[in-house]
């Protein structure tokens, strides 16, 4: 599983990071973001690409586990 740290970045940077990572065609990714807008945009993008997204929140940070 490829893990990306997008904390401190605002959109569209986290979406661009996950899009670039998905070019590897792996089955699973994890991205950490620290704002709700990035969480929503990354989730929407991943689901549009056919992935399932599970989100957990801890201390104001969101961990998105993205799987095929």
PDB file of N, CA and C in Angstrom:
ATOM      1  N   UNK A   1       0.836  -1.178   0.000  1.00  0.00           N
ATOM      2  CA  UNK A   1       0.000   0.000   0.000  1.00  0.00           C
ATOM      3  C   UNK A   1       0.887   1.250   0.000  1.00  0.00           C
ATOM      4  N   UNK A   2       0.592   2.130  -0.897  1.00  0.00           N
ATOM      5  CA  UNK A   2       1.330   3.384  -0.990  1.00  0.00           C
ATOM      6  C   UNK A   2       0.683   4.407  -0.056  1.00  0.00           C
ATOM      7  N   UNK A   3       1.482   5.049   0.806  1.00  0.00           N
ATOM      8  CA  UNK A   3       0.967   6.042   1.744  1.00  0.00           C
ATOM      9  C   UNK A   3       1.444   7.427   1.350  1.00  0.00           C
ATOM     10  N   UNK A   4       0.508   8.369   1.306  1.00  0.00           N
ATOM     11  CA  UNK A   4       0.802   9.755   0.936  1.00  0.00           C
ATOM     12  C   UNK A   4       0.451  10.660   2.108  1.00  0.00           C
ATOM     13  N   UNK A   5       1.282  11.647   2.352  1.00  0.00           N
ATOM     14  CA  UNK A   5       1.036  12.609   3.425  1.00  0.00           C
ATOM     15  C   UNK A   5       0.733  13.959   2.784  1.00  0.00           C
ATOM     16  N   UNK A   6      -0.542  14.350   2.833  1.00  0.00           N
ATOM     17  CA  UNK A   6      -0.957  15.621   2.231  1.00  0.00           C
ATOM     18  C   UNK A   6      -1.363  16.629   3.303  1.00  0.00           C
ATOM     19  N   UNK A   7      -0.903  16.417   4.531  1.00  0.00           N
ATOM     20  CA  UNK A   7      -1.212  17.372   5.598  1.00  0.00           C
ATOM     21  C   UNK A   7      -0.568  18.714   5.278  1.00  0.00           C
ATOM     22  N   UNK A   8      -1.330  19.769   5.520  1.00  0.00           N
ATOM     23  CA  UNK A   8      -0.828  21.112   5.265  1.00  0.00           C
ATOM     24  C   UNK A   8      -1.030  21.577   3.837  1.00  0.00           C
ATOM     25  N   UNK A   9      -1.517  20.708   2.980  1.00  0.00           N
ATOM     26  CA  UNK A   9      -1.748  21.071   1.581  1.00  0.00           C
ATOM     27  C   UNK A   9      -3.224  21.357   1.358  1.00  0.00           C
ATOM     28  N   UNK A  10      -3.493  22.324   0.499  1.00  0.00           N
ATOM     29  CA  UNK A  10      -4.884  22.628   0.176  1.00  0.00           C
ATOM     30  C   UNK A  10      -5.179  22.130  -1.236  1.00  0.00           C
ATOM     31  N   UNK A  11      -6.456  21.936  -1.500  1.00  0.00           N
ATOM     32  CA  UNK A  11      -6.866  21.449  -2.817  1.00  0.00           C
ATOM     33  C   UNK A  11      -6.490  22.463  -3.882  1.00  0.00           C
ATOM     34  N   UNK A  12      -6.070  21.969  -5.039  1.00  0.00           N
ATOM     35  CA  UNK A  12      -6.213  20.593  -5.508  1.00  0.00           C
ATOM     36  C   UNK A  12      -4.992  19.698  -5.272  1.00  0.00           C
ATOM     37  N   UNK A  13      -4.018  20.128  -4.496  1.00  0.00           N
ATOM     38  CA  UNK A  13      -2.788  19.350  -4.339  1.00  0.00           C
ATOM     39  C   UNK A  13      -3.000  17.909  -3.871  1.00  0.00           C
ATOM     40  N   UNK A  14      -3.822  17.634  -2.832  1.00  0.00           N
ATOM     41  CA  UNK A  14      -4.023  16.230  -2.438  1.00  0.00           C
ATOM     42  C   UNK A  14      -4.648  15.380  -3.553  1.00  0.00           C
ATOM     43  N   UNK A  15      -5.562  15.968  -4.319  1.00  0.00           N
ATOM     44  CA  UNK A  15      -6.179  15.220  -5.422  1.00  0.00           C
ATOM     45  C   UNK A  15      -5.137  14.919  -6.494  1.00  0.00           C
ATOM     46  N   UNK A  16      -4.274  15.862  -6.782  1.00  0.00           N
ATOM     47  CA  UNK A  16      -3.212  15.649  -7.773  1.00  0.00           C
ATOM     48  C   UNK A  16      -2.256  14.566  -7.279  1.00  0.00           C
ATOM     49  N   UNK A  17      -1.947  14.582  -5.976  1.00  0.00           N
ATOM     50  CA  UNK A  17      -1.059  13.553  -5.418  1.00  0.00           C
ATOM     51  C   UNK A  17      -1.651  12.161  -5.589  1.00  0.00           C
ATOM     52  N   UNK A  18      -2.939  12.003  -5.264  1.00  0.00           N
ATOM     53  CA  UNK A  18      -3.537  10.671  -5.370  1.00  0.00           C
ATOM     54  C   UNK A  18      -3.695  10.271  -6.832  1.00  0.00           C
ATOM     55  N   UNK A  19      -3.999  11.226  -7.687  1.00  0.00           N
ATOM     56  CA  UNK A  19      -4.114  10.916  -9.120  1.00  0.00           C
ATOM     57  C   UNK A  19      -2.777  10.413  -9.659  1.00  0.00           C
ATOM     58  N   UNK A  20      -1.693  11.084  -9.304  1.00  0.00           N
ATOM     59  CA  UNK A  20      -0.368  10.653  -9.755  1.00  0.00           C
ATOM     60  C   UNK A  20      -0.007   9.282  -9.190  1.00  0.00           C
ATOM     61  N   UNK A  21      -0.362   9.035  -7.932  1.00  0.00           N
ATOM     62  CA  UNK A  21      -0.079   7.731  -7.325  1.00  0.00           C
ATOM     63  C   UNK A  21      -0.871   6.631  -8.024  1.00  0.00           C
ATOM     64  N   UNK A  22      -2.104   6.935  -8.409  1.00  0.00           N
ATOM     65  CA  UNK A  22      -2.947   5.934  -9.061  1.00  0.00           C
ATOM     66  C   UNK A  22      -2.446   5.547 -10.442  1.00  0.00           C
ATOM     67  N   UNK A  23      -1.535   6.295 -10.986  1.00  0.00           N
ATOM     68  CA  UNK A  23      -0.941   5.933 -12.273  1.00  0.00           C
ATOM     69  C   UNK A  23      -0.187   4.607 -12.165  1.00  0.00           C
ATOM     70  N   UNK A  24       0.217   4.228 -10.947  1.00  0.00           N
ATOM     71  CA  UNK A  24       0.929   2.961 -10.737  1.00  0.00           C
ATOM     72  C   UNK A  24      -0.019   1.766 -10.784  1.00  0.00           C
ATOM     73  N   UNK A  25      -1.329   2.031 -10.765  1.00  0.00           N
ATOM     74  CA  UNK A  25      -2.367   0.983 -10.845  1.00  0.00           C
ATOM     75  C   UNK A  25      -2.335   0.017  -9.664  1.00  0.00           C
ATOM     76  N   UNK A  26      -1.855   0.471  -8.495  1.00  0.00           N
ATOM     77  CA  UNK A  26      -1.894  -0.369  -7.297  1.00  0.00           C
ATOM     78  C   UNK A  26      -3.340  -0.569  -6.864  1.00  0.00           C
ATOM     79  N   UNK A  27      -3.567  -1.569  -6.027  1.00  0.00           N
ATOM     80  CA  UNK A  27      -4.919  -1.867  -5.572  1.00  0.00           C
ATOM     81  C   UNK A  27      -5.299  -1.092  -4.318  1.00  0.00           C
ATOM     82  N   UNK A  28      -4.308  -0.518  -3.620  1.00  0.00           N
ATOM     83  CA  UNK A  28      -4.611   0.174  -2.366  1.00  0.00           C
ATOM     84  C   UNK A  28      -3.686   1.362  -2.148  1.00  0.00           C
ATOM     85  N   UNK A  29      -4.267   2.403  -1.577  1.00  0.00           N
ATOM     86  CA  UNK A  29      -3.533   3.630  -1.257  1.00  0.00           C
ATOM     87  C   UNK A  29      -4.033   4.141   0.081  1.00  0.00           C
ATOM     88  N   UNK A  30      -3.191   4.932   0.725  1.00  0.00           N
ATOM     89  CA  UNK A  30      -3.596   5.609   1.940  1.00  0.00           C
ATOM     90  C   UNK A  30      -3.104   7.043   1.821  1.00  0.00           C
ATOM     91  N   UNK A  31      -3.995   7.996   2.117  1.00  0.00           N
ATOM     92  CA  UNK A  31      -3.600   9.399   2.083  1.00  0.00           C
ATOM     93  C   UNK A  31      -4.104  10.059   3.358  1.00  0.00           C
ATOM     94  N   UNK A  32      -3.259  10.893   3.937  1.00  0.00           N
ATOM     95  CA  UNK A  32      -3.597  11.600   5.164  1.00  0.00           C
ATOM     96  C   UNK A  32      -3.772  13.075   4.820  1.00  0.00           C
ATOM     97  N   UNK A  33      -4.925  13.625   5.174  1.00  0.00           N
ATOM     98  CA  UNK A  33      -5.215  15.041   4.945  1.00  0.00           C
ATOM     99  C   UNK A  33      -5.675  15.653   6.262  1.00  0.00           C
ATOM    100  N   UNK A  34      -5.620  16.985   6.335  1.00  0.00           N
ATOM    101  CA  UNK A  34      -5.982  17.634   7.599  1.00  0.00           C
ATOM    102  C   UNK A  34      -7.102  18.663   7.455  1.00  0.00           C
ATOM    103  N   UNK A  35      -7.895  18.536   6.392  1.00  0.00           N
ATOM    104  CA  UNK A  35      -9.058  19.415   6.281  1.00  0.00           C
ATOM    105  C   UNK A  35     -10.185  18.695   5.548  1.00  0.00           C
ATOM    106  N   UNK A  36     -11.404  19.106   5.865  1.00  0.00           N
ATOM    107  CA  UNK A  36     -12.588  18.419   5.347  1.00  0.00           C
ATOM    108  C   UNK A  36     -12.737  18.568   3.838  1.00  0.00           C
ATOM    109  N   UNK A  37     -12.341  19.704   3.284  1.00  0.00           N
ATOM    110  CA  UNK A  37     -12.470  19.910   1.837  1.00  0.00           C
ATOM    111  C   UNK A  37     -11.598  18.914   1.082  1.00  0.00           C
ATOM    112  N   UNK A  38     -10.362  18.735   1.524  1.00  0.00           N
ATOM    113  CA  UNK A  38      -9.476  17.764   0.877  1.00  0.00           C
ATOM    114  C   UNK A  38     -10.037  16.355   1.024  1.00  0.00           C
ATOM    115  N   UNK A  39     -10.559  16.032   2.203  1.00  0.00           N
ATOM    116  CA  UNK A  39     -11.166  14.710   2.423  1.00  0.00           C
ATOM    117  C   UNK A  39     -12.293  14.462   1.419  1.00  0.00           C
ATOM    118  N   UNK A  40     -13.165  15.441   1.266  1.00  0.00           N
ATOM    119  CA  UNK A  40     -14.288  15.291   0.349  1.00  0.00           C
ATOM    120  C   UNK A  40     -13.837  15.187  -1.104  1.00  0.00           C
ATOM    121  N   UNK A  41     -12.896  16.030  -1.504  1.00  0.00           N
ATOM    122  CA  UNK A  41     -12.449  16.030  -2.898  1.00  0.00           C
ATOM    123  C   UNK A  41     -11.679  14.763  -3.257  1.00  0.00           C
ATOM    124  N   UNK A  42     -10.809  14.290  -2.368  1.00  0.00           N
ATOM    125  CA  UNK A  42     -10.061  13.054  -2.629  1.00  0.00           C
ATOM    126  C   UNK A  42     -11.032  11.870  -2.674  1.00  0.00           C
ATOM    127  N   UNK A  43     -11.996  11.844  -1.741  1.00  0.00           N
ATOM    128  CA  UNK A  43     -12.992  10.772  -1.729  1.00  0.00           C
ATOM    129  C   UNK A  43     -13.766  10.749  -3.035  1.00  0.00           C
ATOM    130  N   UNK A  44     -14.238  11.895  -3.462  1.00  0.00           N
ATOM    131  CA  UNK A  44     -15.020  11.987  -4.703  1.00  0.00           C
ATOM    132  C   UNK A  44     -14.189  11.514  -5.899  1.00  0.00           C
ATOM    133  N   UNK A  45     -12.942  11.957  -5.973  1.00  0.00           N
ATOM    134  CA  UNK A  45     -12.074  11.560  -7.093  1.00  0.00           C
ATOM    135  C   UNK A  45     -11.845  10.053  -7.093  1.00  0.00           C
ATOM    136  N   UNK A  46     -11.502   9.490  -5.924  1.00  0.00           N
ATOM    137  CA  UNK A  46     -11.204   8.056  -5.849  1.00  0.00           C
ATOM    138  C   UNK A  46     -12.425   7.212  -6.211  1.00  0.00           C
ATOM    139  N   UNK A  47     -13.577   7.608  -5.698  1.00  0.00           N
ATOM    140  CA  UNK A  47     -14.790   6.856  -6.016  1.00  0.00           C
ATOM    141  C   UNK A  47     -15.119   6.948  -7.506  1.00  0.00           C
ATOM    142  N   UNK A  48     -14.854   8.089  -8.104  1.00  0.00           N
ATOM    143  CA  UNK A  48     -15.088   8.255  -9.539  1.00  0.00           C
ATOM    144  C   UNK A  48     -14.155   7.353 -10.354  1.00  0.00           C
ATOM    145  N   UNK A  49     -12.995   7.021  -9.777  1.00  0.00           N
ATOM    146  CA  UNK A  49     -12.034   6.136 -10.443  1.00  0.00           C
ATOM    147  C   UNK A  49     -12.337   4.663 -10.166  1.00  0.00           C
ATOM    148  N   UNK A  50     -13.394   4.385  -9.410  1.00  0.00           N
ATOM    149  CA  UNK A  50     -13.790   3.008  -9.147  1.00  0.00           C
ATOM    150  C   UNK A  50     -13.232   2.420  -7.867  1.00  0.00           C
ATOM    151  N   UNK A  51     -12.716   3.254  -6.975  1.00  0.00           N
ATOM    152  CA  UNK A  51     -12.155   2.783  -5.714  1.00  0.00           C
ATOM    153  C   UNK A  51     -13.171   2.946  -4.591  1.00  0.00           C
ATOM    154  N   UNK A  52     -12.994   2.166  -3.533  1.00  0.00           N
ATOM    155  CA  UNK A  52     -13.798   2.283  -2.322  1.00  0.00           C
ATOM    156  C   UNK A  52     -12.967   3.066  -1.313  1.00  0.00           C
ATOM    157  N   UNK A  53     -13.591   3.985  -0.582  1.00  0.00           N
ATOM    158  CA  UNK A  53     -12.865   4.836   0.362  1.00  0.00           C
ATOM    159  C   UNK A  53     -13.426   4.650   1.763  1.00  0.00           C
ATOM    160  N   UNK A  54     -12.540   4.344   2.704  1.00  0.00           N
ATOM    161  CA  UNK A  54     -12.882   4.289   4.125  1.00  0.00           C
ATOM    162  C   UNK A  54     -12.117   5.407   4.823  1.00  0.00           C
ATOM    163  N   UNK A  55     -12.835   6.235   5.579  1.00  0.00           N
ATOM    164  CA  UNK A  55     -12.235   7.396   6.223  1.00  0.00           C
ATOM    165  C   UNK A  55     -12.263   7.213   7.734  1.00  0.00           C
ATOM    166  N   UNK A  56     -11.125   7.492   8.376  1.00  0.00           N
ATOM    167  CA  UNK A  56     -11.070   7.548   9.831  1.00  0.00           C
ATOM    168  C   UNK A  56     -10.530   8.912  10.218  1.00  0.00           C
ATOM    169  N   UNK A  57     -11.017   9.425  11.352  1.00  0.00           N
ATOM    170  CA  UNK A  57     -10.574  10.737  11.815  1.00  0.00           C
ATOM    171  C   UNK A  57      -9.965  10.601  13.195  1.00  0.00           C
ATOM    172  N   UNK A  58      -8.845  11.289  13.381  1.00  0.00           N
ATOM    173  CA  UNK A  58      -8.196  11.322  14.691  1.00  0.00           C
ATOM    174  C   UNK A  58      -7.438  12.641  14.821  1.00  0.00           C
ATOM    175  N   UNK A  59      -7.707  13.363  15.879  1.00  0.00           N
ATOM    176  CA  UNK A  59      -7.005  14.618  16.169  1.00  0.00           C
ATOM    177  C   UNK A  59      -7.063  15.611  15.008  1.00  0.00           C
ATOM    178  N   UNK A  60      -8.200  15.698  14.344  1.00  0.00           N
ATOM    179  CA  UNK A  60      -8.361  16.656  13.257  1.00  0.00           C
ATOM    180  C   UNK A  60      -7.729  16.244  11.940  1.00  0.00           C
ATOM    181  N   UNK A  61      -7.218  15.034  11.883  1.00  0.00           N
ATOM    182  CA  UNK A  61      -6.627  14.510  10.640  1.00  0.00           C
ATOM    183  C   UNK A  61      -7.472  13.362  10.121  1.00  0.00           C
ATOM    184  N   UNK A  62      -7.575  13.276   8.823  1.00  0.00           N
ATOM    185  CA  UNK A  62      -8.367  12.230   8.181  1.00  0.00           C
ATOM    186  C   UNK A  62      -7.433  11.272   7.453  1.00  0.00           C
ATOM    187  N   UNK A  63      -7.590   9.995   7.720  1.00  0.00           N
ATOM    188  CA  UNK A  63      -6.841   8.966   7.006  1.00  0.00           C
ATOM    189  C   UNK A  63      -7.811   8.276   6.060  1.00  0.00           C
ATOM    190  N   UNK A  64      -7.520   8.362   4.770  1.00  0.00           N
ATOM    191  CA  UNK A  64      -8.367   7.753   3.761  1.00  0.00           C
ATOM    192  C   UNK A  64      -7.693   6.498   3.253  1.00  0.00           C
ATOM    193  N   UNK A  65      -8.352   5.356   3.458  1.00  0.00           N
ATOM    194  CA  UNK A  65      -7.866   4.088   2.920  1.00  0.00           C
ATOM    195  C   UNK A  65      -8.659   3.813   1.651  1.00  0.00           C
ATOM    196  N   UNK A  66      -7.943   3.788   0.546  1.00  0.00           N
ATOM    197  CA  UNK A  66      -8.549   3.692  -0.774  1.00  0.00           C
ATOM    198  C   UNK A  66      -8.190   2.334  -1.360  1.00  0.00           C
ATOM    199  N   UNK A  67      -9.221   1.535  -1.655  1.00  0.00           N
ATOM    200  CA  UNK A  67      -8.985   0.193  -2.174  1.00  0.00           C
ATOM    201  C   UNK A  67      -9.826  -0.071  -3.414  1.00  0.00           C
ATOM    202  N   UNK A  68      -9.349  -0.955  -4.243  1.00  0.00           N
ATOM    203  CA  UNK A  68     -10.053  -1.333  -5.475  1.00  0.00           C
ATOM    204  C   UNK A  68     -11.115  -2.332  -5.145  1.00  0.00           C
TER     205      UNK A  68
END
